[in-house]
Amino acid sequence: MHPVSSKPSVESTTTEQPRFWSMKPWWCQPWSILLTGIAVVSGSWWWPQRIWITLPLGLAVVAWWTLFLVLVPAAYRHGNLPEAE
C-alpha cells in the first residue's frame, strides 16, 4: 500500500512547460547534434588530414554545440525565448 500525502505535488500546482527536447524533431535531438558534430570533425580529419581544415570546423562544432545544447535549452527553461506563433 502506498502512503497518501496531504500536500499537493509541485507539478500539480504550477503550469509546467513541455520539455524542450520533446518539441524537437529527431534531427534536432541532442544525440543527432552530437553525432553530426563528431562526424564532421572526424571526417574533416580522416579525409584531408589537414589541421587547418579540422581545427576551424572543430571550433565551429563546439560553438554549435554550446548554442544548441546549452544556451537555447537554458533560455527555454528560464522563459527567455519568444513564443512560437
C-alpha atoms as a PDB file:
ATOM      1  CA  MET A   1       0.000   0.000   0.000  1.00  0.00           C
ATOM      2  CA  HIS A   2       1.311   3.455  -0.933  1.00  0.00           C
ATOM      3  CA  PRO A   3       1.254   6.287   1.615  1.00  0.00           C
ATOM      4  CA  VAL A   4      -1.065   9.149   0.763  1.00  0.00           C
ATOM      5  CA  SER A   5       0.310  12.638   1.144  1.00  0.00           C
ATOM      6  CA  SER A   6      -1.921  15.564   2.022  1.00  0.00           C
ATOM      7  CA  LYS A   7       0.473  18.010   0.355  1.00  0.00           C
ATOM      8  CA  PRO A   8      -0.209  18.842  -3.287  1.00  0.00           C
ATOM      9  CA  SER A   9       2.672  17.990  -5.548  1.00  0.00           C
ATOM     10  CA  VAL A  10       4.718  20.805  -7.021  1.00  0.00           C
ATOM     11  CA  GLU A  11       3.853  19.682 -10.543  1.00  0.00           C
ATOM     12  CA  SER A  12       0.130  19.936  -9.978  1.00  0.00           C
ATOM     13  CA  THR A  13       0.284  23.471  -8.582  1.00  0.00           C
ATOM     14  CA  THR A  14       2.395  25.069 -11.307  1.00  0.00           C
ATOM     15  CA  THR A  15       1.858  25.286 -15.004  1.00  0.00           C
ATOM     16  CA  GLU A  16       4.729  23.317 -16.441  1.00  0.00           C
ATOM     17  CA  GLN A  17       6.259  23.928 -19.843  1.00  0.00           C
ATOM     18  CA  PRO A  18       6.641  20.944 -22.122  1.00  0.00           C
ATOM     19  CA  ARG A  19      10.145  19.552 -22.155  1.00  0.00           C
ATOM     20  CA  PHE A  20      12.313  21.420 -24.646  1.00  0.00           C
ATOM     21  CA  TRP A  21      13.576  18.344 -26.471  1.00  0.00           C
ATOM     22  CA  SER A  22      10.124  16.755 -26.739  1.00  0.00           C
ATOM     23  CA  MET A  23       9.106  19.586 -29.090  1.00  0.00           C
ATOM     24  CA  LYS A  24      12.004  18.994 -31.478  1.00  0.00           C
ATOM     25  CA  PRO A  25      12.140  16.600 -34.460  1.00  0.00           C
ATOM     26  CA  TRP A  26      14.546  13.646 -34.468  1.00  0.00           C
ATOM     27  CA  TRP A  27      17.206  15.550 -36.414  1.00  0.00           C
ATOM     28  CA  CYS A  28      17.302  18.238 -33.710  1.00  0.00           C
ATOM     29  CA  GLN A  29      17.730  15.929 -30.709  1.00  0.00           C
ATOM     30  CA  PRO A  30      20.922  16.022 -28.603  1.00  0.00           C
ATOM     31  CA  TRP A  31      22.129  12.654 -29.888  1.00  0.00           C
ATOM     32  CA  SER A  32      21.830  13.733 -33.528  1.00  0.00           C
ATOM     33  CA  ILE A  33      23.528  17.079 -32.859  1.00  0.00           C
ATOM     34  CA  LEU A  34      26.426  15.336 -31.094  1.00  0.00           C
ATOM     35  CA  LEU A  35      26.785  12.595 -33.726  1.00  0.00           C
ATOM     36  CA  THR A  36      26.711  15.099 -36.586  1.00  0.00           C
ATOM     37  CA  GLY A  37      29.395  17.234 -34.943  1.00  0.00           C
ATOM     38  CA  ILE A  38      31.588  14.218 -34.260  1.00  0.00           C
ATOM     39  CA  ALA A  39      31.110  13.005 -37.843  1.00  0.00           C
ATOM     40  CA  VAL A  40      32.008  16.417 -39.297  1.00  0.00           C
ATOM     41  CA  VAL A  41      35.191  16.757 -37.244  1.00  0.00           C
ATOM     42  CA  SER A  42      36.192  13.112 -37.746  1.00  0.00           C
ATOM     43  CA  GLY A  43      35.524  13.296 -41.473  1.00  0.00           C
ATOM     44  CA  SER A  44      37.468  16.524 -41.816  1.00  0.00           C
ATOM     45  CA  TRP A  45      40.489  14.831 -40.280  1.00  0.00           C
ATOM     46  CA  TRP A  46      40.098  11.397 -41.856  1.00  0.00           C
ATOM     47  CA  TRP A  47      39.764  12.567 -45.452  1.00  0.00           C
ATOM     48  CA  PRO A  48      42.146  15.541 -45.987  1.00  0.00           C
ATOM     49  CA  GLN A  49      44.164  15.147 -42.745  1.00  0.00           C
ATOM     50  CA  ARG A  50      44.815  18.860 -42.554  1.00  0.00           C
ATOM     51  CA  ILE A  51      44.751  20.590 -39.180  1.00  0.00           C
ATOM     52  CA  TRP A  52      43.920  23.927 -40.821  1.00  0.00           C
ATOM     53  CA  ILE A  53      40.646  22.378 -42.016  1.00  0.00           C
ATOM     54  CA  THR A  54      39.835  20.335 -38.921  1.00  0.00           C
ATOM     55  CA  LEU A  55      40.585  22.997 -36.305  1.00  0.00           C
ATOM     56  CA  PRO A  56      38.167  25.674 -37.609  1.00  0.00           C
ATOM     57  CA  LEU A  57      35.496  23.033 -38.169  1.00  0.00           C
ATOM     58  CA  GLY A  58      36.052  21.728 -34.642  1.00  0.00           C
ATOM     59  CA  LEU A  59      35.721  25.224 -33.197  1.00  0.00           C
ATOM     60  CA  ALA A  60      32.536  25.793 -35.211  1.00  0.00           C
ATOM     61  CA  VAL A  61      31.109  22.493 -33.946  1.00  0.00           C
ATOM     62  CA  VAL A  62      31.893  23.404 -30.325  1.00  0.00           C
ATOM     63  CA  ALA A  63      30.188  26.780 -30.830  1.00  0.00           C
ATOM     64  CA  TRP A  64      27.204  24.999 -32.421  1.00  0.00           C
ATOM     65  CA  TRP A  65      27.007  22.527 -29.526  1.00  0.00           C
ATOM     66  CA  THR A  66      27.250  25.344 -26.981  1.00  0.00           C
ATOM     67  CA  LEU A  67      24.466  27.258 -28.662  1.00  0.00           C
ATOM     68  CA  PHE A  68      22.035  24.416 -29.291  1.00  0.00           C
ATOM     69  CA  LEU A  69      22.821  22.057 -26.383  1.00  0.00           C
ATOM     70  CA  VAL A  70      23.472  24.583 -23.596  1.00  0.00           C
ATOM     71  CA  LEU A  71      22.304  28.144 -24.246  1.00  0.00           C
ATOM     72  CA  VAL A  72      18.990  27.618 -26.065  1.00  0.00           C
ATOM     73  CA  PRO A  73      17.660  24.954 -23.630  1.00  0.00           C
ATOM     74  CA  ALA A  74      18.698  27.155 -20.682  1.00  0.00           C
ATOM     75  CA  ALA A  75      16.914  30.152 -22.204  1.00  0.00           C
ATOM     76  CA  TYR A  76      13.816  27.990 -22.729  1.00  0.00           C
ATOM     77  CA  ARG A  77      13.874  26.801 -19.101  1.00  0.00           C
ATOM     78  CA  HIS A  78      14.091  30.392 -17.877  1.00  0.00           C
ATOM     79  CA  GLY A  79      11.381  31.594 -20.257  1.00  0.00           C
ATOM     80  CA  ASN A  80      13.668  33.869 -22.272  1.00  0.00           C
ATOM     81  CA  LEU A  81      12.625  32.571 -25.698  1.00  0.00           C
ATOM     82  CA  PRO A  82       9.862  34.205 -27.701  1.00  0.00           C
ATOM     83  CA  GLU A  83       6.669  32.202 -28.123  1.00  0.00           C
ATOM     84  CA  ALA A  84       6.179  30.381 -31.416  1.00  0.00           C
ATOM     85  CA  GLU A  85       3.236  31.658 -33.421  1.00  0.00           C
END
